[in-house]
Protein backbone atom coordinates (compact mmCIF):
# COMPACT_ATOMS: atom_id res chain seq x y z
CA MET A 1 -33.46 -44.62 -70.58
CA GLY A 2 -30.38 -46.65 -71.36
CA LYS A 3 -31.15 -49.40 -68.84
CA ILE A 4 -34.89 -49.52 -68.23
CA THR A 5 -34.57 -52.51 -65.90
CA GLY A 6 -31.87 -50.90 -63.79
CA PHE A 7 -34.24 -50.15 -60.91
CA LEU A 8 -35.00 -53.87 -60.65
CA GLU A 9 -31.41 -54.99 -60.67
CA ILE A 10 -29.49 -52.33 -58.75
CA SER A 11 -29.95 -51.29 -55.14
CA ARG A 12 -29.80 -47.73 -53.89
CA LYS A 13 -26.34 -46.83 -52.63
CA LYS A 14 -24.91 -43.73 -51.00
CA PRO A 15 -21.24 -42.94 -50.36
CA ALA A 16 -19.65 -43.45 -47.00
CA ARG A 17 -19.27 -40.55 -44.57
CA ARG A 18 -16.17 -39.89 -42.59
CA PRO A 19 -16.41 -41.50 -39.13
CA VAL A 20 -17.90 -39.23 -36.47
CA ASP A 21 -14.76 -39.28 -34.30
CA GLN A 22 -12.72 -38.00 -37.25
CA ARG A 23 -15.05 -35.34 -38.62
CA LEU A 24 -15.59 -33.76 -35.19
CA LYS A 25 -11.89 -32.84 -35.20
CA ASP A 26 -12.13 -30.40 -38.11
CA TRP A 27 -14.54 -28.24 -40.13
CA ASN A 28 -14.16 -30.03 -43.44
CA GLU A 29 -16.96 -31.64 -45.43
CA PHE A 30 -17.70 -35.20 -44.37
CA GLU A 31 -19.65 -36.57 -47.36
CA GLY A 32 -17.67 -38.91 -49.61
CA ALA A 33 -18.13 -39.69 -53.31
CA LEU A 34 -19.10 -42.86 -55.11
CA PRO A 35 -16.63 -44.46 -57.54
CA LEU A 36 -17.59 -43.61 -61.08
CA ASP A 37 -18.72 -47.13 -61.88
CA GLU A 38 -21.04 -47.15 -58.91
CA LEU A 39 -22.33 -43.70 -59.72
CA ARG A 40 -23.04 -44.92 -63.22
CA GLU A 41 -25.11 -47.78 -61.77
CA GLN A 42 -27.04 -45.34 -59.60
CA GLY A 43 -27.91 -43.32 -62.70
CA ALA A 44 -29.17 -46.56 -64.30
CA ARG A 45 -31.80 -46.90 -61.56
CA CYS A 46 -33.78 -43.99 -63.09
CA MET A 47 -36.73 -45.99 -64.40
CA ASP A 48 -38.14 -44.19 -67.45
CA CYS A 49 -41.30 -43.11 -65.60
CA GLY A 50 -44.30 -42.21 -67.64
CA ILE A 51 -44.53 -39.10 -65.51
CA PRO A 52 -41.23 -38.13 -63.83
CA TYR A 53 -42.53 -36.85 -60.50
CA CYS A 54 -39.04 -35.80 -59.52
CA HIS A 55 -39.79 -32.67 -61.53
CA THR A 56 -42.68 -31.81 -59.22
CA GLY A 57 -40.25 -31.91 -56.27
CA CYS A 58 -37.54 -29.79 -57.83
CA PRO A 59 -38.27 -26.04 -57.81
CA LEU A 60 -35.63 -25.46 -60.49
CA GLY A 61 -37.21 -27.83 -62.98
CA ASN A 62 -34.00 -29.77 -63.28
CA ILE A 63 -34.16 -32.24 -66.18
CA ILE A 64 -33.28 -35.04 -63.81
CA PRO A 65 -33.96 -38.16 -65.92
CA ASP A 66 -31.79 -36.79 -68.73
CA TRP A 67 -28.69 -36.29 -66.67
CA ASN A 68 -29.22 -39.53 -64.76
CA ASP A 69 -29.18 -41.33 -68.09
CA LEU A 70 -26.20 -39.36 -69.37
CA VAL A 71 -24.24 -40.47 -66.28
CA TYR A 72 -25.16 -44.10 -67.04
CA GLN A 73 -24.17 -43.55 -70.71
CA GLU A 74 -20.75 -42.21 -69.48
CA ARG A 75 -21.27 -38.80 -71.08
CA PRO A 76 -20.13 -36.45 -68.32
CA ARG A 77 -19.84 -33.35 -70.49
CA ARG A 78 -23.43 -33.66 -71.71
CA ALA A 79 -24.62 -34.43 -68.18
CA SER A 80 -22.98 -31.23 -66.94
CA THR A 81 -24.44 -29.21 -69.81
CA ARG A 82 -27.93 -30.48 -69.06
CA LEU A 83 -27.54 -29.89 -65.30
CA HIS A 84 -26.19 -26.37 -65.69
CA SER A 85 -28.94 -25.48 -68.12
CA THR A 86 -31.38 -25.13 -65.23
CA ASN A 87 -29.14 -24.63 -62.20
CA ASN A 88 -26.39 -22.03 -61.91
CA PHE A 89 -24.84 -23.62 -58.79
CA PRO A 90 -25.38 -27.41 -58.69
CA GLU A 91 -22.34 -27.84 -56.45
CA PHE A 92 -24.27 -25.88 -53.80
CA THR A 93 -27.58 -27.68 -54.09
CA GLY A 94 -25.85 -31.06 -54.45
CA ARG A 95 -24.61 -30.53 -50.90
CA ILE A 96 -27.23 -28.58 -48.97
CA CYS A 97 -30.57 -29.17 -50.69
CA PRO A 98 -32.83 -31.58 -48.71
CA ALA A 99 -33.61 -33.26 -52.06
CA PRO A 100 -37.39 -32.96 -52.45
CA CYS A 101 -36.78 -34.50 -55.87
CA GLU A 102 -35.87 -37.76 -54.20
CA GLU A 103 -38.99 -37.71 -52.07
CA ALA A 104 -41.07 -37.29 -55.25
CA CYS A 105 -39.16 -40.02 -57.12
CA THR A 106 -41.41 -42.90 -58.22
CA LEU A 107 -39.03 -45.36 -56.57
CA ASN A 108 -39.65 -43.58 -53.25
CA ILE A 109 -43.00 -45.31 -53.10
CA ASP A 110 -41.06 -48.12 -51.41
CA ARG A 111 -38.51 -45.71 -49.83
CA HIS A 112 -35.62 -46.43 -52.21
CA PRO A 113 -35.44 -43.41 -54.53
CA VAL A 114 -32.72 -42.71 -57.06
CA THR A 115 -29.74 -40.98 -55.44
CA ILE A 116 -30.46 -37.81 -57.38
CA LYS A 117 -28.68 -35.44 -55.01
CA GLN A 118 -25.41 -37.44 -55.02
CA ILE A 119 -25.47 -37.74 -58.80
CA GLU A 120 -26.02 -33.99 -59.11
CA ARG A 121 -23.16 -33.22 -56.80
CA GLN A 122 -20.71 -35.51 -58.53
CA ILE A 123 -21.65 -34.23 -61.99
CA ALA A 124 -20.93 -30.68 -60.79
CA ASP A 125 -17.74 -31.55 -58.90
CA ARG A 126 -16.31 -33.49 -61.85
CA ALA A 127 -17.10 -30.61 -64.25
CA ILE A 128 -15.34 -28.18 -61.87
CA ALA A 129 -12.32 -30.47 -61.51
CA GLU A 130 -12.01 -30.81 -65.25
CA GLY A 131 -12.22 -27.07 -65.78
CA ARG A 132 -15.59 -26.98 -67.58
CA ALA A 133 -18.18 -25.85 -65.01
CA LEU A 134 -16.46 -22.58 -64.15
CA LYS A 135 -15.69 -21.57 -67.71
CA PRO A 136 -17.03 -18.00 -68.14
CA ARG A 137 -20.00 -17.46 -70.48
CA ILE A 138 -19.39 -13.91 -71.63
CA ALA A 139 -22.25 -12.14 -73.40
CA GLU A 140 -21.65 -11.63 -77.12
CA THR A 141 -23.26 -8.21 -77.03
CA LYS A 142 -23.67 -5.67 -74.22
CA THR A 143 -26.91 -3.76 -73.72
CA GLY A 144 -25.38 -0.84 -71.85
CA LYS A 145 -28.02 -1.19 -69.16
CA LYS A 146 -26.88 -1.18 -65.51
CA VAL A 147 -28.47 -3.36 -62.80
CA ALA A 148 -27.86 -3.20 -59.05
CA VAL A 149 -28.41 -6.48 -57.21
CA VAL A 150 -28.68 -5.92 -53.41
CA GLY A 151 -27.88 -9.03 -51.41
CA SER A 152 -25.41 -11.76 -52.46
CA GLY A 153 -27.09 -14.94 -51.26
CA PRO A 154 -28.09 -17.65 -53.75
CA ALA A 155 -30.99 -15.60 -55.19
CA GLY A 156 -28.78 -12.52 -55.72
CA MET A 157 -25.91 -14.54 -57.15
CA ALA A 158 -28.22 -16.36 -59.61
CA ALA A 159 -29.91 -13.11 -60.71
CA ALA A 160 -26.59 -11.36 -61.14
CA GLN A 161 -25.08 -14.16 -63.20
CA GLN A 162 -28.08 -14.49 -65.49
CA LEU A 163 -28.29 -10.77 -66.06
CA ALA A 164 -24.56 -10.52 -66.82
CA ARG A 165 -24.84 -13.37 -69.30
CA ALA A 166 -27.71 -11.50 -70.99
CA GLY A 167 -25.38 -8.56 -71.59
CA HIS A 168 -26.26 -6.18 -68.76
CA ASN A 169 -23.70 -4.43 -66.51
CA VAL A 170 -24.32 -5.89 -63.05
CA THR A 171 -23.09 -4.71 -59.67
CA LEU A 172 -23.72 -7.09 -56.76
CA PHE A 173 -23.85 -5.36 -53.34
CA GLU A 174 -23.41 -7.13 -50.00
CA ARG A 175 -23.38 -5.51 -46.58
CA ALA A 176 -21.19 -8.27 -45.06
CA ASP A 177 -17.45 -8.32 -45.65
CA ARG A 178 -17.66 -11.35 -47.98
CA ILE A 179 -19.99 -12.43 -50.77
CA GLY A 180 -22.39 -15.31 -50.27
CA GLY A 181 -25.05 -14.28 -47.76
CA LEU A 182 -26.19 -17.16 -45.59
CA LEU A 183 -24.33 -19.55 -47.89
CA ARG A 184 -21.15 -17.94 -46.61
CA TYR A 185 -21.96 -17.19 -43.02
CA GLY A 186 -25.00 -19.30 -42.14
CA ILE A 187 -24.19 -22.75 -43.46
CA PRO A 188 -21.25 -24.45 -41.64
CA ASN A 189 -18.19 -25.48 -43.59
CA PHE A 190 -18.72 -29.13 -42.76
CA LYS A 191 -21.83 -29.02 -44.94
CA MET A 192 -20.40 -26.78 -47.69
CA GLU A 193 -16.85 -25.52 -47.95
CA LYS A 194 -16.66 -21.91 -49.03
CA HIS A 195 -14.07 -22.33 -51.80
CA LEU A 196 -17.11 -23.35 -53.88
CA ILE A 197 -18.53 -19.85 -53.54
CA ASP A 198 -15.11 -18.37 -54.40
CA GLY A 199 -15.00 -20.46 -57.57
CA ARG A 200 -18.32 -19.13 -58.78
CA MET A 201 -17.30 -15.59 -57.88
CA GLY A 202 -14.28 -15.93 -60.12
CA GLN A 203 -16.48 -17.10 -62.98
CA MET A 204 -18.99 -14.27 -62.44
CA GLU A 205 -16.23 -11.63 -62.31
CA ALA A 206 -14.96 -12.89 -65.65
CA GLU A 207 -18.52 -12.60 -66.98
CA GLY A 208 -18.65 -8.95 -65.91
CA VAL A 209 -20.26 -8.96 -62.46
CA VAL A 210 -18.77 -6.31 -60.13
CA PHE A 211 -18.80 -7.30 -56.43
CA ARG A 212 -19.21 -4.65 -53.76
CA PRO A 213 -18.95 -6.29 -50.28
CA SER A 214 -18.97 -4.26 -47.06
CA THR A 215 -21.55 -1.95 -48.64
CA ASN A 216 -24.85 -1.34 -46.92
CA VAL A 217 -27.22 -0.13 -49.64
CA GLY A 218 -29.53 2.50 -48.21
CA VAL A 219 -26.71 3.76 -45.96
CA ASP A 220 -23.38 3.63 -47.80
CA VAL A 221 -25.17 3.84 -51.16
CA THR A 222 -28.27 5.99 -51.09
CA VAL A 223 -31.54 5.54 -52.94
CA GLU A 224 -30.61 8.60 -54.95
CA ASP A 225 -27.37 6.88 -55.97
CA LEU A 226 -29.36 3.84 -57.15
CA LYS A 227 -31.76 5.95 -59.18
CA ARG A 228 -28.95 7.92 -60.74
CA ASP A 229 -26.52 5.08 -61.53
CA PHE A 230 -28.72 2.10 -62.37
CA ASP A 231 -31.53 1.25 -64.76
CA ALA A 232 -32.99 -1.47 -62.54
CA VAL A 233 -32.56 -2.72 -58.98
CA VAL A 234 -32.97 -6.27 -57.68
CA LEU A 235 -33.67 -6.68 -53.96
CA SER A 236 -32.38 -10.06 -52.78
CA GLY A 237 -31.46 -9.41 -49.18
CA GLY A 238 -33.04 -12.53 -47.70
CA ALA A 239 -35.32 -13.01 -44.69
CA THR A 240 -32.82 -12.52 -41.92
CA GLN A 241 -34.97 -11.26 -39.07
CA PRO A 242 -34.82 -14.04 -36.44
CA ARG A 243 -37.81 -15.09 -34.37
CA ASP A 244 -37.11 -14.15 -30.75
CA LEU A 245 -38.36 -15.82 -27.55
CA PRO A 246 -39.54 -13.03 -25.26
CA LEU A 247 -39.49 -14.91 -21.97
CA PRO A 248 -38.29 -14.02 -18.48
CA GLY A 249 -34.51 -14.40 -18.46
CA ARG A 250 -34.10 -13.84 -22.21
CA GLU A 251 -31.69 -10.98 -21.40
CA LEU A 252 -29.24 -13.22 -19.54
CA ALA A 253 -25.75 -13.70 -20.90
CA GLY A 254 -25.47 -17.02 -22.73
CA VAL A 255 -28.84 -16.80 -24.54
CA HIS A 256 -28.16 -16.06 -28.19
CA PHE A 257 -29.69 -16.21 -31.64
CA ALA A 258 -28.44 -19.20 -33.59
CA MET A 259 -27.25 -17.15 -36.53
CA ASP A 260 -24.96 -15.06 -34.31
CA PHE A 261 -23.33 -18.27 -33.10
CA LEU A 262 -23.01 -19.80 -36.58
CA THR A 263 -21.79 -16.61 -38.29
CA GLN A 264 -18.98 -16.14 -35.80
CA GLN A 265 -17.68 -19.69 -36.26
CA ASN A 266 -17.84 -19.32 -40.04
CA LYS A 267 -15.79 -16.12 -39.78
CA VAL A 268 -13.20 -17.99 -37.76
CA CYS A 269 -13.10 -20.71 -40.45
CA GLU A 270 -12.41 -17.88 -42.98
CA GLY A 271 -9.35 -16.93 -40.91
CA ASP A 272 -10.85 -13.98 -39.02
CA THR A 273 -10.45 -13.29 -35.30
CA VAL A 274 -13.76 -12.75 -33.52
CA ASP A 275 -13.51 -10.90 -30.23
CA GLY A 276 -15.81 -12.36 -27.57
CA GLN A 277 -16.79 -15.28 -29.79
CA ILE A 278 -19.79 -17.29 -28.60
CA LEU A 279 -18.33 -20.71 -27.83
CA ALA A 280 -19.88 -24.02 -26.74
CA THR A 281 -16.54 -25.37 -25.46
CA GLY A 282 -17.04 -27.23 -22.19
CA LYS A 283 -20.61 -25.92 -21.87
CA ARG A 284 -24.03 -27.54 -21.41
CA VAL A 285 -25.80 -26.42 -24.57
CA VAL A 286 -29.51 -26.37 -25.33
CA VAL A 287 -30.68 -25.69 -28.87
CA LEU A 288 -34.27 -24.53 -29.15
CA GLY A 289 -35.66 -25.44 -32.59
CA GLY A 290 -35.54 -28.73 -34.50
CA GLY A 291 -34.93 -27.49 -38.02
CA ASP A 292 -31.87 -27.20 -40.21
CA THR A 293 -30.48 -24.19 -38.35
CA GLY A 294 -30.87 -25.97 -35.04
CA SER A 295 -29.08 -28.98 -36.53
CA ASP A 296 -26.22 -26.76 -37.67
CA CYS A 297 -25.92 -25.45 -34.13
CA VAL A 298 -25.67 -29.03 -32.86
CA GLY A 299 -22.85 -29.89 -35.28
CA THR A 300 -21.00 -26.66 -34.51
CA SER A 301 -21.35 -27.15 -30.72
CA ASN A 302 -19.96 -30.67 -30.95
CA ARG A 303 -16.96 -29.53 -32.97
CA GLN A 304 -16.29 -26.79 -30.44
CA GLY A 305 -16.22 -29.40 -27.67
CA ALA A 306 -19.48 -28.91 -25.82
CA ALA A 307 -19.90 -30.87 -22.62
CA SER A 308 -23.44 -31.86 -23.68
CA VAL A 309 -25.95 -30.88 -26.33
CA HIS A 310 -29.74 -31.04 -26.06
CA GLN A 311 -32.15 -30.06 -28.84
CA PHE A 312 -35.75 -29.24 -28.01
CA GLU A 313 -38.65 -28.98 -30.46
CA LEU A 314 -42.05 -27.45 -29.70
CA MET A 315 -43.91 -29.66 -32.15
CA PRO A 316 -44.61 -33.36 -31.47
CA ARG A 317 -42.29 -36.10 -32.69
CA PRO A 318 -43.16 -36.92 -36.31
CA PRO A 319 -43.89 -40.49 -37.45
CA GLU A 320 -40.92 -42.68 -38.35
CA ALA A 321 -41.67 -43.62 -41.95
CA GLU A 322 -45.22 -42.87 -43.11
CA ASN A 323 -47.38 -39.77 -42.65
CA PRO A 324 -50.89 -40.01 -44.13
CA ASP A 325 -51.09 -36.19 -44.11
CA THR A 326 -48.23 -35.95 -46.58
CA PRO A 327 -48.39 -38.95 -48.97
CA TRP A 328 -46.09 -39.54 -51.91
CA PRO A 329 -45.14 -37.55 -53.97
CA TYR A 330 -45.41 -34.72 -51.48
CA TRP A 331 -42.61 -33.85 -49.07
CA PRO A 332 -43.24 -36.25 -46.18
CA LEU A 333 -43.30 -34.83 -42.67
CA ILE A 334 -41.53 -37.77 -41.04
CA MET A 335 -38.79 -38.34 -38.48
CA ARG A 336 -35.37 -37.39 -39.86
CA THR A 337 -31.93 -37.46 -38.38
CA SER A 338 -29.35 -35.04 -39.68
CA SER A 339 -25.62 -35.70 -39.91
CA SER A 340 -25.09 -33.31 -36.98
CA GLN A 341 -27.69 -35.07 -34.85
CA GLU A 342 -26.06 -38.46 -35.48
CA GLU A 343 -22.82 -36.96 -34.18
CA GLY A 344 -24.31 -36.56 -30.73
CA ALA A 345 -27.34 -34.78 -29.29
CA GLU A 346 -30.19 -35.55 -26.96
CA ARG A 347 -33.37 -34.70 -28.86
CA ASP A 348 -36.79 -34.17 -27.34
CA TRP A 349 -40.16 -33.06 -28.74
CA SER A 350 -43.29 -31.36 -27.41
CA ILE A 351 -41.23 -29.14 -25.12
CA ASN A 352 -42.28 -25.60 -24.27
CA THR A 353 -39.69 -23.31 -22.67
CA LEU A 354 -41.17 -21.13 -19.90
CA ARG A 355 -38.28 -19.05 -18.67
CA PHE A 356 -34.55 -18.90 -17.98
CA SER A 357 -32.83 -18.21 -14.70
CA GLY A 358 -29.22 -17.17 -14.00
CA ASP A 359 -26.58 -16.58 -11.39
CA ASP A 360 -25.69 -13.35 -9.61
CA ALA A 361 -23.37 -12.37 -12.44
CA GLY A 362 -26.23 -12.43 -14.95
CA HIS A 363 -25.25 -15.66 -16.79
CA VAL A 364 -27.91 -18.20 -17.75
CA LYS A 365 -27.80 -21.29 -15.58
CA LYS A 366 -31.20 -22.97 -15.87
CA LEU A 367 -33.88 -23.56 -18.46
CA HIS A 368 -37.39 -24.05 -17.08
CA GLY A 369 -39.85 -25.91 -19.32
CA VAL A 370 -42.94 -28.06 -19.48
CA ARG A 371 -44.02 -30.98 -21.65
CA LEU A 372 -46.94 -30.58 -24.00
CA ASN A 373 -49.87 -32.62 -25.12
CA TRP A 374 -50.95 -32.01 -28.71
CA THR A 375 -54.52 -32.57 -29.85
CA THR A 376 -56.34 -31.99 -33.14
CA GLU A 377 -59.57 -30.01 -33.09
CA GLU A 378 -62.52 -30.69 -35.39
CA SER A 379 -61.35 -27.87 -37.63
CA GLY A 380 -58.09 -29.73 -38.15
CA ARG A 381 -56.17 -27.17 -36.16
CA ARG A 382 -53.59 -28.51 -33.74
CA LYS A 383 -53.79 -27.38 -30.13
CA MET A 384 -51.08 -27.62 -27.48
CA GLU A 385 -51.70 -27.87 -23.76
CA PRO A 386 -49.18 -28.24 -20.94
CA ILE A 387 -49.16 -31.59 -19.21
CA PRO A 388 -49.89 -31.06 -15.51
CA GLY A 389 -46.97 -32.03 -13.34
CA SER A 390 -44.50 -32.25 -16.23
CA GLU A 391 -42.63 -29.04 -15.41
CA PHE A 392 -38.85 -29.46 -15.30
CA GLU A 393 -35.65 -27.48 -15.10
CA MET A 394 -32.31 -28.16 -16.74
CA GLU A 395 -28.87 -26.77 -16.00
CA VAL A 396 -27.48 -24.92 -18.98
CA ASP A 397 -24.58 -22.66 -19.89
CA LEU A 398 -25.51 -21.76 -23.46
CA VAL A 399 -28.94 -21.46 -25.08
CA LEU A 400 -29.18 -21.07 -28.87
CA LEU A 401 -32.46 -19.84 -30.40
CA ALA A 402 -33.02 -21.52 -33.77
CA LEU A 403 -36.71 -20.67 -34.14
CA GLY A 404 -36.83 -19.64 -37.79
CA PHE A 405 -37.09 -16.22 -39.40
CA LEU A 406 -39.93 -13.74 -39.52
CA GLY A 407 -39.01 -12.11 -42.82
CA PRO A 408 -36.72 -9.38 -44.13
CA GLU A 409 -35.29 -6.85 -41.76
CA ARG A 410 -36.89 -3.44 -42.01
CA ALA A 411 -33.74 -1.98 -43.47
CA PRO A 412 -33.58 1.71 -44.36
CA LEU A 413 -33.49 0.79 -48.04
CA LEU A 414 -36.97 -0.75 -48.08
CA ASP A 415 -38.50 2.24 -46.39
CA LYS A 416 -36.67 4.77 -48.57
CA LEU A 417 -37.63 2.95 -51.76
CA GLY A 418 -41.22 2.79 -50.64
CA VAL A 419 -41.87 -0.76 -51.82
CA GLU A 420 -45.12 -2.35 -50.75
CA LEU A 421 -44.93 -5.22 -48.23
CA THR A 422 -47.19 -8.19 -47.57
CA GLU A 423 -48.92 -8.77 -44.25
CA ARG A 424 -46.00 -10.95 -43.23
CA GLY A 425 -43.51 -8.24 -44.04
CA ASN A 426 -42.14 -9.72 -47.25
CA VAL A 427 -41.65 -7.47 -50.30
CA LYS A 428 -44.66 -7.75 -52.61
CA ALA A 429 -43.88 -8.39 -56.27
CA ASP A 430 -45.88 -9.32 -59.37
CA ASP A 431 -45.47 -12.32 -61.69
CA ASN A 432 -42.44 -10.65 -63.30
CA TYR A 433 -40.93 -10.07 -59.81
CA MET A 434 -41.38 -6.30 -60.05
CA THR A 435 -42.32 -4.53 -56.86
CA SER A 436 -44.79 -1.65 -56.49
CA VAL A 437 -41.92 0.62 -57.57
CA PRO A 438 -41.26 0.43 -61.35
CA GLY A 439 -37.79 -0.84 -62.10
CA VAL A 440 -37.31 -2.31 -58.64
CA PHE A 441 -37.55 -6.09 -58.39
CA ALA A 442 -37.46 -8.57 -55.54
CA CYS A 443 -36.59 -12.29 -55.27
CA GLY A 444 -35.61 -15.02 -52.88
CA ASP A 445 -36.50 -15.13 -49.23
CA LEU A 446 -37.05 -11.36 -49.26
CA ARG A 447 -40.05 -11.97 -51.52
CA ARG A 448 -41.30 -15.48 -50.65
CA GLY A 449 -40.21 -15.79 -47.01
CA GLN A 450 -37.79 -18.25 -45.43
CA SER A 451 -37.21 -21.14 -47.81
CA LEU A 452 -34.65 -23.42 -49.44
CA VAL A 453 -31.52 -22.51 -51.34
CA VAL A 454 -32.93 -24.27 -54.39
CA TRP A 455 -35.97 -21.99 -54.27
CA ALA A 456 -33.72 -18.95 -53.95
CA ILE A 457 -31.78 -19.91 -57.12
CA TRP A 458 -35.04 -20.41 -59.01
CA GLU A 459 -36.31 -17.02 -57.83
CA GLY A 460 -33.09 -15.31 -58.88
CA ARG A 461 -33.25 -16.85 -62.35
CA GLU A 462 -36.94 -15.94 -62.81
CA CYS A 463 -36.40 -12.45 -61.49
CA ALA A 464 -33.59 -12.02 -64.04
CA ARG A 465 -36.12 -12.76 -66.78
CA GLY A 466 -38.39 -10.07 -65.43
CA VAL A 467 -35.56 -7.52 -65.24
CA ASP A 468 -34.41 -8.39 -68.76
CA ALA A 469 -37.90 -7.98 -70.15
CA PHE A 470 -38.22 -4.62 -68.43
CA LEU A 471 -34.92 -3.35 -69.82
CA ARG A 472 -35.34 -4.72 -73.34
CA GLY A 473 -39.06 -4.70 -73.85
CA ALA A 474 -38.56 -8.44 -74.64
CA THR A 475 -36.60 -11.13 -72.91
CA SER A 476 -33.75 -13.42 -73.91
CA ASP A 477 -34.08 -17.06 -72.91
CA LEU A 478 -32.66 -16.75 -69.42
CA ARG A 479 -34.29 -19.96 -68.27
CA SER A 480 -31.80 -21.68 -70.51
CA SER A 481 -33.44 -24.18 -72.80
CA PRO A 482 -30.88 -26.97 -73.11
CA HIS A 483 -31.23 -26.84 -76.89
CA THR A 484 -31.36 -23.15 -77.76
CA SER A 485 -29.91 -21.07 -74.98
CA PRO A 486 -26.54 -19.30 -75.47
CA LEU A 487 -26.01 -19.75 -71.75
CA VAL A 488 -25.51 -23.49 -71.88
CA LEU A 489 -22.02 -24.70 -71.02
CA PRO A 490 -20.16 -26.56 -73.76
C-alpha cells in the first residue's frame, strides 16, 4: 500500500447527506460525495492487511485493497479498471449494497472500517462522468449461439452482459414494461436513481444485448419458442413471491404488500400515471417488517406526506454495538438505523400482530397486537411467548406488509420447462448453474432465495461461465482476471 500508516493518521469520514427537511420534498438521491482529496485520504486508510478480510465479506471477490490504493495513488483509470474487472455494475452496489466488506474490514475491529462503499461509488461515478465506464466492450468474434435470459434484475443483467461480451447473441426478456427488475421498481429513487440502469442498458445494447420488456416468457413466448430459437436459457426471474400474513381482517382495504406500494411510486417517478395508487398521504401508516423493504416503505411514506409512520418488528431489538453470536469478521446482527428511519418513524420490536379491524365500508382502522417475550431454549432455538396483559390496539389507515419473500412465483414457465425445485421452492441447479433440464440455467434469487444485489450480480456472472462452457465445451475467462481478460475496461 502507498501509505501503510494511513490508518493511524487519518480518521474515517463519510460525505454529508442532504438535510432531512430537504430530501423529503423530492425523490432524488440524498447521499453526497467526498472531495477528491478527502476520498484519496480515505483510500490511504487501507492498511496492507496480511489477510484482507474484506474479501470474505464481498460476494463478488472485489479486489478492494488494490482499488483503494489506486485511489490514493491518484490513478482513477486503473482504479476503475480493477473495480469493473469483478463487478459489472459498481454504481449500483456503491449505492444499495449494505457493505459486508466494511463489516469484515480489519479496521472494523474497533468500528472504524475503511469507507469501501463510498470509494467504490465514487470510482464508478467518476468513470461514468468521464465516459469510460459505459464504453461498450464488443466481442471480437461471435459464436453464433443464441441465449435467452428471462428476468432483467441484477442477476439477469450481469449474465446477459457477460454472455454478450463472450460473443453470444443474447436476448433479455422482462415481463414488466421496463428493464431492471426490483432495481427498477423495488428500490426507491432516493436510494438509486434509475438513469443508472438506463446508462448500462445503452452500453449493453451496443454490446449486442436485445431487450424485450413487456414479455411474459411462458405466456407471450412459449417453451416451444425457447427450444426452437435459443441454444440455452437462463432463468433469473428473482424470488418475488411475498410472504403474506393470513390474519383476521387481512382482506380489508388498506392492507397491502409492500412491493405493490413501492412499485406504484416508482412507476410515478418514471412519469407513469397509476390509477388507484396506494398512497400514505395524510394517513396513519404501520409497516410490518424491520428489514430493507420495510425501511423503503418508511422513506416512501414520509415523502408522500404520511400523518405518522410506525414500524413493527417481530424479532427482539438487537444489541447496539456488539453481538457475541456474530463476531468480527462476520456480518454483525446489531442495531442499525437506515436513512429512511432517521427521517422519521416510531420503531418497535417484539411485536406480534393478531388481527385487523375496519369500519363499515371495509377499510382498515385498527391493528390489534401483543408484545412478546423471547427466550432461548437449551437447543439454542429461540422461542416467543406473548406477554400477558400486553395486548394493544392502534388506529391505522394503511398497513404495509414487508415480511420478506418466500421464493420464486410458480410461473407457467417453470412448470412447463419441468425444472426441479428445492424444498423451499427455489430452482435447483448444479455447480455450473445448470438446472435438471440440460441447457436451462438458473441464477440469482430464483436459485439461492432472497438475497442481496451483490450476490445476484455474482450469480449472474458465474452462471454466464456455466452457459459459456455448455455452449463452447470450454469457457472464456468471464470472471475477468484483471490481467488477462478481454472484458476489462481500458
